[in-house]
Protein backbone atom coordinates (compact mmCIF):
# COMPACT_ATOMS: atom_id res chain seq x y z
CA MET A 1 0.06 0.00 0.01
CA SER A 2 1.34 3.41 -0.96
CA ALA A 3 1.93 6.06 1.74
CA PRO A 4 -0.73 8.73 2.06
CA ARG A 5 -0.21 12.03 0.35
CA MET A 6 1.22 14.79 2.50
CA PRO A 7 -1.53 17.48 2.71
CA VAL A 8 -0.88 20.81 1.13
CA PHE A 9 -2.60 24.07 2.09
CA ASP A 10 -2.04 26.58 -0.70
CA GLY A 11 -1.86 30.35 -0.40
CA HIS A 12 -3.44 31.37 -3.70
CA ASN A 13 -5.44 29.94 -6.67
CA ASP A 14 -7.69 31.47 -9.37
CA PHE A 15 -10.09 28.53 -9.86
CA LEU A 16 -13.14 30.69 -9.29
CA LEU A 17 -12.28 32.72 -12.40
CA ARG A 18 -12.54 29.52 -14.49
CA LEU A 19 -16.02 28.97 -13.17
CA GLN A 20 -17.00 32.63 -13.69
CA ARG A 21 -15.99 32.38 -17.33
CA ALA A 22 -18.00 29.18 -18.00
CA PRO A 23 -20.82 29.07 -15.44
CA GLN A 24 -22.91 26.82 -17.61
CA ARG A 25 -20.23 24.15 -17.32
CA ARG A 26 -19.31 24.60 -13.71
CA GLU A 27 -20.55 21.12 -12.64
CA GLU A 28 -18.37 19.51 -15.29
CA ILE A 29 -15.38 21.74 -14.42
CA TRP A 30 -15.59 21.38 -10.67
CA LEU A 31 -17.09 17.97 -9.87
CA HIS A 32 -15.87 15.85 -12.79
CA GLY A 33 -12.91 17.68 -14.28
CA GLU A 34 -12.58 18.65 -17.91
CA GLY A 35 -8.90 17.90 -18.23
CA LEU A 36 -8.05 21.66 -18.50
CA GLY A 37 -6.49 24.11 -16.16
CA HIS A 38 -4.80 23.16 -12.91
CA LEU A 39 -7.62 22.46 -10.45
CA ASP A 40 -10.78 20.42 -10.04
CA LEU A 41 -12.17 18.28 -7.27
CA PRO A 42 -10.93 14.88 -8.53
CA ARG A 43 -7.38 16.17 -9.17
CA MET A 44 -7.26 17.98 -5.79
CA LYS A 45 -7.98 14.68 -4.08
CA ARG A 46 -5.34 12.91 -6.07
CA GLY A 47 -2.72 15.59 -5.40
CA GLY A 48 -3.28 15.88 -1.61
CA PHE A 49 -4.66 19.40 -1.92
CA ALA A 50 -6.00 20.04 1.60
CA GLY A 51 -7.20 23.60 1.05
CA GLY A 52 -6.20 27.12 0.33
CA MET A 53 -7.13 30.70 -0.53
CA PHE A 54 -9.70 30.86 -3.31
CA ALA A 55 -9.29 34.22 -4.99
CA ILE A 56 -12.10 36.50 -6.08
CA TYR A 57 -10.39 38.39 -8.91
CA VAL A 58 -12.14 40.72 -11.40
CA PRO A 59 -10.41 40.85 -14.75
CA SER A 60 -10.14 43.99 -16.80
CA PRO A 61 -12.63 43.91 -19.70
CA GLN A 62 -10.17 45.64 -22.03
CA LEU A 63 -7.55 42.87 -21.66
CA ASP A 64 -7.02 40.79 -24.81
CA GLY A 65 -5.97 37.49 -23.39
CA PRO A 66 -3.66 36.76 -20.38
CA VAL A 67 -1.63 39.66 -19.20
CA ASP A 68 1.47 37.48 -19.01
CA ARG A 69 1.41 36.92 -22.83
CA GLY A 70 3.92 39.77 -23.10
CA MET A 71 6.39 38.09 -20.83
CA ASP A 72 7.97 35.80 -23.39
CA ASN A 73 10.74 38.21 -24.62
CA PRO A 74 12.48 39.96 -21.75
CA PRO A 75 13.12 42.69 -20.93
CA TYR A 76 9.45 43.65 -20.74
CA ASP A 77 7.12 46.18 -19.12
CA VAL A 78 3.50 45.07 -19.67
CA PRO A 79 1.10 48.03 -19.75
CA LEU A 80 -1.38 47.90 -16.92
CA PRO A 81 -5.11 48.27 -17.57
CA ALA A 82 -7.08 51.15 -16.14
CA MET A 83 -8.87 51.18 -12.81
CA LEU A 84 -12.15 49.30 -12.77
CA ASP A 85 -15.60 50.70 -12.09
CA GLN A 86 -16.54 49.67 -8.56
CA THR A 87 -20.21 48.91 -9.42
CA MET A 88 -19.19 46.51 -12.22
CA ALA A 89 -16.50 44.92 -9.97
CA LEU A 90 -18.93 44.44 -7.16
CA ALA A 91 -21.38 42.53 -9.26
CA TYR A 92 -18.58 40.31 -10.69
CA ALA A 93 -17.06 39.65 -7.29
CA THR A 94 -20.40 38.79 -5.74
CA SER A 95 -20.99 36.24 -8.56
CA MET A 96 -17.61 34.67 -7.82
CA ALA A 97 -18.36 34.43 -4.12
CA GLY A 98 -21.55 32.63 -5.13
CA HIS A 99 -19.51 30.13 -7.12
CA LEU A 100 -17.49 29.30 -4.08
CA MET A 101 -20.69 28.77 -2.02
CA TRP A 102 -22.08 26.58 -4.78
CA MET A 103 -18.87 24.55 -4.79
CA GLU A 104 -19.39 23.81 -1.12
CA ARG A 105 -22.97 22.73 -1.65
CA ALA A 106 -22.37 20.75 -4.80
CA SER A 107 -19.43 18.84 -3.33
CA ALA A 108 -21.60 17.15 -0.66
CA GLY A 109 -19.04 17.69 2.08
CA ALA A 110 -15.87 17.37 -0.02
CA LEU A 111 -15.17 21.10 0.26
CA ARG A 112 -15.89 23.36 3.22
CA ILE A 113 -15.71 27.13 3.40
CA VAL A 114 -13.75 27.95 6.55
CA ARG A 115 -13.37 31.08 8.64
CA THR A 116 -10.93 30.01 11.30
CA ALA A 117 -7.61 28.16 11.58
CA THR A 118 -9.41 25.69 13.81
CA GLY A 119 -11.89 25.15 10.95
CA ILE A 120 -9.03 24.35 8.56
CA GLU A 121 -7.67 21.81 10.98
CA GLU A 122 -11.17 20.21 11.45
CA ALA A 123 -11.68 20.07 7.70
CA MET A 124 -8.30 18.41 7.23
CA ARG A 125 -9.16 15.80 9.91
CA ASP A 126 -12.44 15.11 8.18
CA GLY A 127 -10.88 14.76 4.76
CA ALA A 128 -12.61 17.89 3.38
CA ILE A 129 -10.93 20.64 1.33
CA ALA A 130 -10.73 23.80 3.45
CA ALA A 131 -11.55 26.88 1.27
CA VAL A 132 -10.76 30.38 2.55
CA MET A 133 -12.51 33.17 0.61
CA HIS A 134 -9.85 35.66 -0.53
CA MET A 135 -10.05 38.77 -2.63
CA GLU A 136 -7.21 39.70 -5.05
CA GLY A 137 -7.71 43.44 -5.69
CA ALA A 138 -10.28 45.33 -3.70
CA GLU A 139 -12.04 46.96 -6.69
CA ALA A 140 -15.41 45.54 -5.44
CA ILE A 141 -14.99 47.41 -2.17
CA GLY A 142 -16.09 51.02 -2.28
CA THR A 143 -14.21 53.67 -0.30
CA ASP A 144 -17.01 53.70 2.25
CA LEU A 145 -15.95 50.12 3.04
CA ASP A 146 -19.52 48.94 3.42
CA ALA A 147 -19.02 46.01 0.94
CA LEU A 148 -16.02 44.87 2.98
CA HIS A 149 -18.47 44.05 5.87
CA ALA A 150 -20.82 42.34 3.46
CA PHE A 151 -18.08 40.08 2.04
CA HIS A 152 -16.77 39.46 5.56
CA ALA A 153 -20.22 38.12 6.44
CA MET A 154 -20.05 35.87 3.42
CA GLY A 155 -16.74 34.48 4.64
CA LEU A 156 -14.03 36.82 3.35
CA ARG A 157 -10.94 36.36 5.54
CA SER A 158 -8.04 37.51 3.24
CA LEU A 159 -7.74 40.51 0.97
CA GLY A 160 -5.14 42.11 -1.23
CA PRO A 161 -5.79 45.87 -1.66
CA VAL A 162 -4.60 45.62 -5.33
CA TRP A 163 -3.97 43.32 -8.18
CA SER A 164 -1.29 45.01 -10.30
CA ARG A 165 -3.57 47.70 -11.78
CA PRO A 166 -4.32 50.78 -9.61
CA THR A 167 -7.34 50.86 -7.33
CA ALA A 168 -8.91 53.52 -5.06
CA PHE A 169 -6.75 52.06 -2.33
CA GLY A 170 -3.22 51.91 -3.81
CA HIS A 171 -0.90 50.90 -6.61
CA GLY A 172 0.33 47.51 -7.68
CA VAL A 173 3.60 46.57 -9.23
CA PRO A 174 3.68 46.30 -13.00
CA PHE A 175 4.69 43.06 -14.75
CA ARG A 176 8.18 44.35 -15.45
CA PHE A 177 11.50 42.53 -15.78
CA PRO A 178 14.08 43.35 -14.72
CA SER A 179 12.78 45.76 -12.12
CA GLY A 180 12.57 46.39 -8.38
CA PRO A 181 9.19 46.78 -6.62
CA ASP A 182 9.61 50.53 -5.94
CA THR A 183 7.39 51.57 -8.78
CA GLY A 184 5.09 54.30 -7.57
CA ASP A 185 3.04 55.82 -4.80
CA GLY A 186 1.95 54.05 -1.69
CA LEU A 187 -1.47 53.55 -0.22
CA THR A 188 -4.13 56.25 -0.62
CA ASP A 189 -5.93 57.52 2.44
CA ALA A 190 -8.80 55.16 1.55
CA GLY A 191 -6.23 52.32 1.41
CA LYS A 192 -4.97 53.14 4.90
CA ARG A 193 -8.59 53.09 6.16
CA LEU A 194 -9.05 49.69 4.46
CA ILE A 195 -6.06 48.19 6.18
CA ARG A 196 -7.22 49.46 9.57
CA GLU A 197 -10.74 48.01 8.94
CA CYS A 198 -9.24 44.64 7.87
CA ASN A 199 -7.29 44.67 11.15
CA ALA A 200 -10.53 45.29 13.07
CA LEU A 201 -12.33 42.53 11.23
CA LYS A 202 -9.36 40.11 11.41
CA ILE A 203 -9.12 39.93 7.58
CA MET A 204 -5.62 39.10 6.49
CA ALA A 205 -4.01 41.85 4.28
CA ASP A 206 -2.17 40.23 1.40
CA LEU A 207 0.96 42.11 0.20
CA SER A 208 1.43 40.21 -3.11
CA HIS A 209 1.03 42.61 -6.05
CA LEU A 210 1.46 45.69 -3.83
CA ASN A 211 4.35 48.04 -4.73
CA GLU A 212 7.16 48.76 -2.22
CA LYS A 213 5.76 52.03 -0.89
CA GLY A 214 2.37 50.35 -0.34
CA PHE A 215 4.15 47.47 1.44
CA ASP A 216 5.79 49.94 3.77
CA ASP A 217 2.50 51.73 4.39
CA VAL A 218 0.81 48.42 5.40
CA ALA A 219 3.84 47.55 7.66
CA ALA A 220 3.46 50.94 9.40
CA ILE A 221 -0.26 50.53 9.96
CA THR A 222 -1.07 46.92 10.59
CA ASP A 223 -1.01 45.11 13.95
CA ALA A 224 -1.09 41.73 12.20
CA PRO A 225 1.65 39.56 10.72
CA LEU A 226 2.70 40.66 7.23
CA VAL A 227 1.80 38.10 4.65
CA ALA A 228 2.49 37.77 0.86
CA THR A 229 0.33 34.89 -0.32
CA HIS A 230 2.10 34.25 -3.66
CA SER A 231 5.49 35.94 -4.08
CA ASN A 232 9.11 35.00 -4.63
CA ALA A 233 12.60 36.29 -3.93
CA HIS A 234 13.78 39.30 -5.87
CA ALA A 235 17.42 38.40 -5.16
CA VAL A 236 16.93 35.22 -7.27
CA THR A 237 14.65 36.61 -10.02
CA PRO A 238 14.64 40.41 -10.39
CA SER A 239 10.97 40.79 -11.27
CA ALA A 240 8.94 43.73 -9.92
CA ARG A 241 6.51 41.14 -8.52
CA ASN A 242 9.09 39.57 -6.24
CA LEU A 243 10.10 40.66 -2.74
CA THR A 244 13.45 42.16 -1.85
CA ASP A 245 15.56 40.90 1.08
CA ARG A 246 14.63 44.05 2.94
CA GLN A 247 10.91 43.27 2.55
CA LEU A 248 11.45 39.71 3.54
CA ALA A 249 13.24 40.90 6.74
CA VAL A 250 10.28 43.05 7.64
CA ILE A 251 7.93 40.15 7.14
CA ARG A 252 10.05 37.95 9.36
CA GLU A 253 10.10 40.58 12.15
CA THR A 254 6.29 40.38 12.29
CA GLN A 255 6.23 36.55 12.34
CA GLY A 256 4.59 36.70 8.89
CA MET A 257 4.57 34.45 5.89
CA VAL A 258 5.42 34.17 2.16
CA GLY A 259 3.88 31.57 -0.14
CA LEU A 260 6.19 30.46 -2.90
CA ASN A 261 4.62 31.32 -6.27
CA PHE A 262 4.80 28.61 -8.88
CA ALA A 263 4.51 31.08 -11.80
CA THR A 264 7.55 30.42 -14.01
CA CYS A 265 8.02 34.10 -14.90
CA PHE A 266 8.75 34.81 -11.20
CA LEU A 267 10.96 31.71 -10.86
CA ARG A 268 13.16 31.76 -13.92
CA ASP A 269 16.29 33.90 -13.87
CA ASP A 270 15.41 35.25 -17.32
CA GLY A 271 11.86 36.24 -16.35
CA ARG A 272 10.19 34.20 -19.10
CA ARG A 273 7.00 32.14 -18.85
CA ALA A 274 8.32 28.94 -20.45
CA PRO A 275 7.46 25.91 -18.27
CA GLU A 276 10.63 23.97 -19.14
CA ILE A 277 12.74 24.88 -16.07
CA GLY A 278 13.37 21.80 -14.09
CA TRP A 279 13.48 21.95 -10.32
CA GLU A 280 16.58 24.10 -9.86
CA PRO A 281 14.86 27.54 -9.95
CA VAL A 282 12.18 26.36 -7.51
CA LEU A 283 14.79 25.08 -5.12
CA ARG A 284 16.85 28.31 -5.34
CA HIS A 285 13.82 30.43 -4.46
CA MET A 286 12.82 28.11 -1.61
CA ASP A 287 16.31 27.96 -0.22
CA HIS A 288 16.52 31.76 -0.29
CA LEU A 289 13.14 32.30 1.29
CA ILE A 290 13.94 29.87 4.09
CA ALA A 291 17.35 31.38 4.67
CA THR A 292 15.92 34.90 4.87
CA LEU A 293 12.60 34.29 6.58
CA GLY A 294 13.22 31.20 8.59
CA GLU A 295 11.63 27.79 8.12
CA ASP A 296 8.48 28.72 10.11
CA HIS A 297 7.51 31.55 7.72
CA VAL A 298 7.47 29.96 4.22
CA GLY A 299 4.83 27.96 2.43
CA PHE A 300 3.26 27.53 -1.06
CA GLY A 301 1.17 30.06 -2.98
CA SER A 302 0.77 28.20 -6.24
CA ASP A 303 -1.15 30.65 -8.44
CA PHE A 304 -2.86 27.59 -9.97
CA ASP A 305 -5.26 28.57 -12.75
CA GLY A 306 -3.65 32.00 -12.88
CA ALA A 307 -0.19 31.37 -14.29
CA THR A 308 2.16 29.15 -16.23
CA VAL A 309 3.73 26.62 -13.83
CA PRO A 310 6.79 24.44 -14.14
CA GLU A 311 6.30 21.32 -16.26
CA GLY A 312 7.44 19.16 -13.30
CA ILE A 313 4.34 20.31 -11.38
CA GLY A 314 1.95 20.55 -14.33
CA ASP A 315 -1.23 20.86 -12.20
CA VAL A 316 -2.37 20.10 -8.69
CA THR A 317 -1.54 16.36 -9.10
CA GLY A 318 2.11 17.47 -9.27
CA LEU A 319 2.25 18.56 -5.60
CA PRO A 320 3.67 15.17 -4.57
CA ALA A 321 6.44 15.57 -7.18
CA LEU A 322 7.27 19.02 -5.81
CA LEU A 323 7.49 17.61 -2.32
CA GLY A 324 9.65 14.79 -3.58
CA ALA A 325 12.00 17.25 -5.23
CA LEU A 326 12.33 19.21 -1.98
CA ARG A 327 12.91 15.94 -0.10
CA ALA A 328 15.62 14.89 -2.54
CA HIS A 329 17.20 18.35 -2.06
CA GLY A 330 17.58 17.56 1.63
CA TYR A 331 14.39 18.83 3.29
CA ASP A 332 13.19 16.37 5.96
CA ASP A 333 9.55 15.55 6.65
CA THR A 334 9.35 17.92 9.61
CA LEU A 335 10.32 20.84 7.39
CA LEU A 336 8.11 19.67 4.50
CA GLU A 337 5.06 19.57 6.82
CA LYS A 338 5.80 23.13 7.79
CA LEU A 339 6.04 24.27 4.19
CA ALA A 340 3.05 22.15 3.10
CA TRP A 341 0.50 23.27 5.73
CA ARG A 342 1.62 23.92 9.31
CA ASN A 343 3.12 27.37 8.60
CA TRP A 344 -0.12 28.58 6.89
CA ILE A 345 -2.30 27.44 9.74
CA GLY A 346 0.12 29.13 12.23
CA VAL A 347 0.11 32.53 10.50
CA LEU A 348 -3.67 32.44 10.01
CA ARG A 349 -4.19 31.61 13.57
CA ARG A 350 -1.97 34.58 14.60
CA THR A 351 -3.72 36.89 12.05
CA TRP A 352 -7.28 35.85 12.91
CA GLY A 353 -6.66 36.18 16.64
CA GLU A 354 -7.31 32.62 17.67
C-alpha cells in the first residue's frame, strides 16, 4: 500500500475565475474535471490538496488574453489596464463568491468554506478541502468600506488591496522585468482606512502585487503579521513582483509568511513564462526564502489557474512531485510539513486572533 499524500494548504489559486468564465459548465469543471487548467475536485483529491485561498479576482474587460502573454521576450514592461468601475466589480465579485458557495454545496461535504484556523484543521481531519475566501484586488469594495463588511459576512478572511492595476486604495507593481518593486506611490488615504478596517475585522491583508511604498505603508499601519500569499525572492529573479531581502526581513520581524509562487516568470532567472525549467529555480527560491525568513514563515502560494507553472508540477496532481524534489534536495519531513501546511495554519491563527 502506498503512503498517504502529504496534505498541502495553498496560499493562492484562481479557480473561481474559471467557473466565472464558464458558469454553464461549472458542474463538469468542478465535480468531474474537464482535463483543462490546474484544479478540479478529482485532481485535488489525487494531489493531496487540503485547502487554500480561493481568490475573487475581477479581470479587466479591455484585456485581450492573459496579461502574461507579453512576458515571453525579456526585458518587458507590460502596460497595466485602467482602474475598474466599482459597481461592475462588485457585481462580478459577488458572482464569484456565489460560485464558491455553490462549490461547497455541490461537493456534498468534499469542500468546506472555513473562517478560522481551527476550521481548517477540522476540515483536514475530516478529509474535506478547506476553502478560505480571498479577494485579489479590492475593486469591489467602495471607499465607504460597506462592501467589506458584506463580504466578511459571506466568509471573506483574506484580501489584497490591489492586483497590479491601480485601485482607489493603492498601486500595484507592474509586470516588469528586470525591475525592483519601488514603482510608484503607496496607499491612498482610503487604502490606509481599508487596512485598519481589515485589522478590526481580522481579515488578512495580502501584500502580493502591492508595490514597495504600499508594502511599507501596510507595515506601518497593521497590527497583524505581514503576509504575501504568492510571491518569490527578488534576489533570485529580479521581477517587480518579487520581494526584496529588505521586505522579507520586515515580514520575518512580524512573524509573517510568504507563499512560494509557482509562476515560471517569477521563478526563472530570465523572467520568461516557459514551463521547461526543471526543479533548480524552484529550489533556489525556496532555499533563499527559508534562509531569509526562517523555516516557520514559508509555504506554497501556487497561483494555480492563474499562471504558467513548471512542467514538473503541471497541475495540482504534481504537488507530490514538488514535495519529492524538496525531499531529494535535503528537506526532511518535519520541514516539509511546515512548508506544506503547518506554517499557513500558524500565520492564519496569529492573524485571525485565535
